[in-house]
Amino acid sequence: MKDERIQTTVNRISTVGLLICLYFLLPISILYRMLILKQHIREFWDIFAIFCFGIFFTFIAYARKGVFDYGFKRTWLTIFTIVFIVNLTLFFIIGLIDSFVDVVEYVIGFLFGMTPVIAIAYLLNRQWKRKEGIEDEK
């Protein structure tokens, strides 16, 4: 029989290893294939799909556990800004943005894409607060 503290430590180390692979190695691999090897996304869609699904499930788990509770607006403003700038820069480097119209299309698409993500995070955060008794139901 193992001690619960030892098992918790092992689980945390495993999670950190998975997150390092997911958040650092997969994006580096995707960027290498896009920018250096000039491959089309059809040639590495499996890596891209694994990265997107991993990010999605991690996001849902964090939101359900109340990780985004502290400084919710500041956290999401920071995430929103970083994702916007990184994506805009990558699209420019790849050559998908040629004119101001392309930038406007990107901004509109980005807003339509990020709005549901922030709404889901907000609703899951409120659900967590109600479950923990931090916020009363209205």
C-alpha atoms as a PDB file:
ATOM      1  CA  MET A   1       0.000   0.000   0.000  1.00  0.00           C
ATOM      2  CA  LYS A   2       1.413   3.353  -1.035  1.00  0.00           C
ATOM      3  CA  ASP A   3       1.235   6.547   0.918  1.00  0.00           C
ATOM      4  CA  GLU A   4      -1.212   9.069  -0.565  1.00  0.00           C
ATOM      5  CA  ARG A   5       1.389  11.858  -0.439  1.00  0.00           C
ATOM      6  CA  ILE A   6       3.841   9.805  -2.506  1.00  0.00           C
ATOM      7  CA  GLN A   7       1.140   8.951  -5.034  1.00  0.00           C
ATOM      8  CA  THR A   8       0.106  12.618  -5.265  1.00  0.00           C
ATOM      9  CA  THR A   9       3.720  13.642  -5.876  1.00  0.00           C
ATOM     10  CA  VAL A  10       4.112  11.007  -8.601  1.00  0.00           C
ATOM     11  CA  ASN A  11       0.904  12.207 -10.260  1.00  0.00           C
ATOM     12  CA  ARG A  12       2.077  15.831 -10.170  1.00  0.00           C
ATOM     13  CA  ILE A  13       5.420  14.934 -11.737  1.00  0.00           C
ATOM     14  CA  SER A  14       3.633  12.958 -14.476  1.00  0.00           C
ATOM     15  CA  THR A  15       1.310  15.869 -15.143  1.00  0.00           C
ATOM     16  CA  VAL A  16       4.188  18.328 -15.393  1.00  0.00           C
ATOM     17  CA  GLY A  17       5.948  16.020 -17.867  1.00  0.00           C
ATOM     18  CA  LEU A  18       2.811  15.789 -19.986  1.00  0.00           C
ATOM     19  CA  LEU A  19       2.301  19.550 -19.906  1.00  0.00           C
ATOM     20  CA  ILE A  20       5.920  20.170 -20.950  1.00  0.00           C
ATOM     21  CA  CYS A  21       5.431  17.875 -23.944  1.00  0.00           C
ATOM     22  CA  LEU A  22       2.053  19.355 -24.760  1.00  0.00           C
ATOM     23  CA  TYR A  23       2.753  23.049 -24.334  1.00  0.00           C
ATOM     24  CA  PHE A  24       6.369  23.301 -25.468  1.00  0.00           C
ATOM     25  CA  LEU A  25       7.437  20.426 -27.678  1.00  0.00           C
ATOM     26  CA  LEU A  26       4.319  20.127 -29.843  1.00  0.00           C
ATOM     27  CA  PRO A  27       4.145  23.856 -30.713  1.00  0.00           C
ATOM     28  CA  ILE A  28       7.883  23.864 -31.457  1.00  0.00           C
ATOM     29  CA  SER A  29       7.367  20.891 -33.766  1.00  0.00           C
ATOM     30  CA  ILE A  30       4.427  22.595 -35.486  1.00  0.00           C
ATOM     31  CA  LEU A  31       6.324  25.861 -35.939  1.00  0.00           C
ATOM     32  CA  TYR A  32       9.381  24.004 -37.271  1.00  0.00           C
ATOM     33  CA  ARG A  33       7.287  22.216 -39.856  1.00  0.00           C
ATOM     34  CA  MET A  34       5.410  25.376 -40.861  1.00  0.00           C
ATOM     35  CA  LEU A  35       8.242  27.888 -40.973  1.00  0.00           C
ATOM     36  CA  ILE A  36      11.413  25.913 -41.741  1.00  0.00           C
ATOM     37  CA  LEU A  37      10.182  22.907 -43.711  1.00  0.00           C
ATOM     38  CA  LYS A  38       7.313  24.891 -45.337  1.00  0.00           C
ATOM     39  CA  GLN A  39       4.945  21.953 -44.962  1.00  0.00           C
ATOM     40  CA  HIS A  40       1.212  22.344 -45.403  1.00  0.00           C
ATOM     41  CA  ILE A  41      -1.023  21.570 -42.437  1.00  0.00           C
ATOM     42  CA  ARG A  42      -2.291  18.438 -44.222  1.00  0.00           C
ATOM     43  CA  GLU A  43       1.147  16.911 -43.702  1.00  0.00           C
ATOM     44  CA  PHE A  44       1.104  17.262 -39.910  1.00  0.00           C
ATOM     45  CA  TRP A  45      -2.562  17.535 -38.981  1.00  0.00           C
ATOM     46  CA  ASP A  46      -2.207  14.743 -36.401  1.00  0.00           C
ATOM     47  CA  ILE A  47       0.250  16.756 -34.283  1.00  0.00           C
ATOM     48  CA  PHE A  48      -1.920  19.850 -34.624  1.00  0.00           C
ATOM     49  CA  ALA A  49      -5.041  17.877 -33.599  1.00  0.00           C
ATOM     50  CA  ILE A  50      -3.296  16.386 -30.541  1.00  0.00           C
ATOM     51  CA  PHE A  51      -2.174  19.867 -29.491  1.00  0.00           C
ATOM     52  CA  CYS A  52      -5.648  21.385 -29.937  1.00  0.00           C
ATOM     53  CA  PHE A  53      -7.455  18.551 -28.107  1.00  0.00           C
ATOM     54  CA  GLY A  54      -4.925  18.663 -25.280  1.00  0.00           C
ATOM     55  CA  ILE A  55      -5.330  22.409 -24.894  1.00  0.00           C
ATOM     56  CA  PHE A  56      -9.129  22.058 -24.956  1.00  0.00           C
ATOM     57  CA  PHE A  57      -9.309  19.362 -22.272  1.00  0.00           C
ATOM     58  CA  THR A  58      -6.753  21.132 -20.089  1.00  0.00           C
ATOM     59  CA  PHE A  59      -8.735  24.346 -20.413  1.00  0.00           C
ATOM     60  CA  ILE A  60     -11.997  22.625 -19.392  1.00  0.00           C
ATOM     61  CA  ALA A  61     -10.329  20.897 -16.431  1.00  0.00           C
ATOM     62  CA  TYR A  62      -8.733  24.137 -15.208  1.00  0.00           C
ATOM     63  CA  ALA A  63     -11.972  26.086 -15.576  1.00  0.00           C
ATOM     64  CA  ARG A  64     -13.954  23.438 -13.681  1.00  0.00           C
ATOM     65  CA  LYS A  65     -11.412  23.472 -10.822  1.00  0.00           C
ATOM     66  CA  GLY A  66     -11.540  27.258 -10.443  1.00  0.00           C
ATOM     67  CA  VAL A  67      -7.999  27.972 -11.653  1.00  0.00           C
ATOM     68  CA  PHE A  68      -9.186  31.033 -13.570  1.00  0.00           C
ATOM     69  CA  ASP A  69     -10.977  32.493 -10.536  1.00  0.00           C
ATOM     70  CA  TYR A  70      -8.244  34.751  -9.277  1.00  0.00           C
ATOM     71  CA  GLY A  71      -7.993  37.773 -11.523  1.00  0.00           C
ATOM     72  CA  PHE A  72     -10.426  36.347 -14.087  1.00  0.00           C
ATOM     73  CA  LYS A  73     -10.595  39.487 -16.223  1.00  0.00           C
ATOM     74  CA  ARG A  74      -6.846  40.125 -16.118  1.00  0.00           C
ATOM     75  CA  THR A  75      -6.034  36.488 -16.886  1.00  0.00           C
ATOM     76  CA  TRP A  76      -8.313  36.368 -19.902  1.00  0.00           C
ATOM     77  CA  LEU A  77      -7.209  39.755 -21.177  1.00  0.00           C
ATOM     78  CA  THR A  78      -3.609  38.523 -21.044  1.00  0.00           C
ATOM     79  CA  ILE A  79      -4.447  35.215 -22.773  1.00  0.00           C
ATOM     80  CA  PHE A  80      -6.554  37.020 -25.391  1.00  0.00           C
ATOM     81  CA  THR A  81      -3.770  39.518 -26.170  1.00  0.00           C
ATOM     82  CA  ILE A  82      -0.988  36.926 -26.371  1.00  0.00           C
ATOM     83  CA  VAL A  83      -2.971  34.582 -28.628  1.00  0.00           C
ATOM     84  CA  PHE A  84      -3.973  37.491 -30.874  1.00  0.00           C
ATOM     85  CA  ILE A  85      -0.429  38.788 -31.311  1.00  0.00           C
ATOM     86  CA  VAL A  86       1.148  35.345 -31.818  1.00  0.00           C
ATOM     87  CA  ASN A  87      -1.459  34.299 -34.391  1.00  0.00           C
ATOM     88  CA  LEU A  88      -1.280  37.596 -36.262  1.00  0.00           C
ATOM     89  CA  THR A  89       2.524  37.359 -36.364  1.00  0.00           C
ATOM     90  CA  LEU A  90       2.474  33.755 -37.604  1.00  0.00           C
ATOM     91  CA  PHE A  91      -0.099  34.559 -40.297  1.00  0.00           C
ATOM     92  CA  PHE A  92       2.052  37.472 -41.441  1.00  0.00           C
ATOM     93  CA  ILE A  93       5.234  35.355 -41.522  1.00  0.00           C
ATOM     94  CA  ILE A  94       3.513  32.566 -43.438  1.00  0.00           C
ATOM     95  CA  GLY A  95       2.165  35.070 -45.948  1.00  0.00           C
ATOM     96  CA  LEU A  96      -1.552  34.798 -45.304  1.00  0.00           C
ATOM     97  CA  ILE A  97      -1.862  38.519 -44.551  1.00  0.00           C
ATOM     98  CA  ASP A  98      -1.208  40.771 -47.522  1.00  0.00           C
ATOM     99  CA  SER A  99      -3.427  43.778 -46.924  1.00  0.00           C
ATOM    100  CA  PHE A 100      -5.454  45.664 -44.357  1.00  0.00           C
ATOM    101  CA  VAL A 101      -8.577  43.742 -45.421  1.00  0.00           C
ATOM    102  CA  ASP A 102      -6.871  40.482 -44.417  1.00  0.00           C
ATOM    103  CA  VAL A 103      -6.112  41.958 -40.979  1.00  0.00           C
ATOM    104  CA  VAL A 104      -9.757  43.012 -40.536  1.00  0.00           C
ATOM    105  CA  GLU A 105     -10.925  39.525 -41.570  1.00  0.00           C
ATOM    106  CA  TYR A 106      -8.503  38.007 -39.076  1.00  0.00           C
ATOM    107  CA  VAL A 107      -9.693  40.290 -36.259  1.00  0.00           C
ATOM    108  CA  ILE A 108     -13.358  39.489 -36.943  1.00  0.00           C
ATOM    109  CA  GLY A 109     -12.659  35.747 -37.110  1.00  0.00           C
ATOM    110  CA  PHE A 110     -10.559  35.929 -33.943  1.00  0.00           C
ATOM    111  CA  LEU A 111     -13.335  37.705 -32.057  1.00  0.00           C
ATOM    112  CA  PHE A 112     -15.913  35.139 -33.182  1.00  0.00           C
ATOM    113  CA  GLY A 113     -13.525  32.345 -32.171  1.00  0.00           C
ATOM    114  CA  MET A 114     -12.493  33.674 -28.758  1.00  0.00           C
ATOM    115  CA  THR A 115     -15.923  34.855 -27.597  1.00  0.00           C
ATOM    116  CA  PRO A 116     -17.277  31.308 -27.032  1.00  0.00           C
ATOM    117  CA  VAL A 117     -14.054  30.283 -25.294  1.00  0.00           C
ATOM    118  CA  ILE A 118     -14.259  33.157 -22.820  1.00  0.00           C
ATOM    119  CA  ALA A 119     -17.999  32.587 -22.322  1.00  0.00           C
ATOM    120  CA  ILE A 120     -17.430  28.897 -21.532  1.00  0.00           C
ATOM    121  CA  ALA A 121     -14.627  29.769 -19.095  1.00  0.00           C
ATOM    122  CA  TYR A 122     -16.830  32.351 -17.398  1.00  0.00           C
ATOM    123  CA  LEU A 123     -19.769  29.938 -17.051  1.00  0.00           C
ATOM    124  CA  LEU A 124     -17.562  27.131 -15.719  1.00  0.00           C
ATOM    125  CA  ASN A 125     -15.970  29.587 -13.282  1.00  0.00           C
ATOM    126  CA  ARG A 126     -19.398  30.663 -12.007  1.00  0.00           C
ATOM    127  CA  GLN A 127     -20.426  27.021 -11.674  1.00  0.00           C
ATOM    128  CA  TRP A 128     -17.298  26.334  -9.598  1.00  0.00           C
ATOM    129  CA  LYS A 129     -17.985  29.373  -7.379  1.00  0.00           C
ATOM    130  CA  ARG A 130     -21.536  28.197  -6.733  1.00  0.00           C
ATOM    131  CA  LYS A 131     -20.317  24.682  -5.947  1.00  0.00           C
ATOM    132  CA  GLU A 132     -17.767  26.032  -3.476  1.00  0.00           C
ATOM    133  CA  GLY A 133     -20.283  28.453  -1.951  1.00  0.00           C
ATOM    134  CA  ILE A 134     -18.287  31.546  -2.939  1.00  0.00           C
ATOM    135  CA  GLU A 135     -21.094  33.048  -4.998  1.00  0.00           C
ATOM    136  CA  ASP A 136     -24.792  32.833  -4.231  1.00  0.00           C
ATOM    137  CA  GLU A 137     -27.226  31.814  -6.947  1.00  0.00           C
ATOM    138  CA  LYS A 138     -29.240  34.681  -8.317  1.00  0.00           C
END
